[in-house]
């Protein structure tokens, strides 16, 4: 029978005026195992220094080894299943309110920073948050630990900057990991870009360059994975958004056309009729809410 989940209180680790803590710890099998589960009132970044086993996160298992790095949401229920007597690790604990202004300015096509939003399911996004720390991240963590322990003049603003840097490096690592899945990952990456930016002009060359492949290779990979072209998917998203606006808004057809990413009204009419068997005006009369 599993024990009751233990909740780690934020007041045990940091103060409200500086919600940040970093510590080097050793977890042993008698204290951390599958019968003991934990939650926190804060976010946690953990770097495994020594030892092996598994991270159990909401019943999902992920292997751990030296160099493993992960970001954990407060709502996640976690523990370790160790294959070695202990795990030596570095725990970085924080509240994102500490860096809320910096987070608001960061760009994020994969929604890595959605972990800090109110409605978030970490299970659906695990690959972004379970990484391998490279040399740059390891050195950064060491410098943060030293800064926190010694607490020289202006250590707090410096730690805030370093925390933002760490999260950016983790984002980049997560994106690289997603792209490393190649064909499937590339198709997913393109789909996410299209879904978030379909009203805007889409540049195939720029997207392909960001991924590191040619435009023609990108188009072939996407069609092989999805059965349609990128242009077809983009048109589908724009038409679907336009249909939704025709049903639910009083905006003019031309306003909807341009707002949903089309730059030619006559083409919009032809494409809409081809997809929905009605022109936009007729469609609105049939299905509009007003």
Foldseek 3Di string as FASTA:
>chain_A
DADDEAEAEQVVADDPVFSKHKDKDKFFPVRFAPSYKYAYPWKKKKAWQAFWFWKQWVNDTDTDGHQKIFIDARVIIITTHGPDRITIMMMMTGHCVLVVVVVVPDDALPPLVVSNPPDDDCVVVVLLGIFGHDPVLVVLSVVLNVCRVVVDPPSRVVNSVSVSVNSVVSNVRSLVSLCVVPLVSLLVSLVSVLLVQLLDDDDLQVSCVVSPHGSVVSQVSNCVVPVDGSVVVSLVNLLVQLLVCLAEHPDDSVVSCNRSNHDDSVVQQVSNCVVPVDGSVVSSVVRHPD
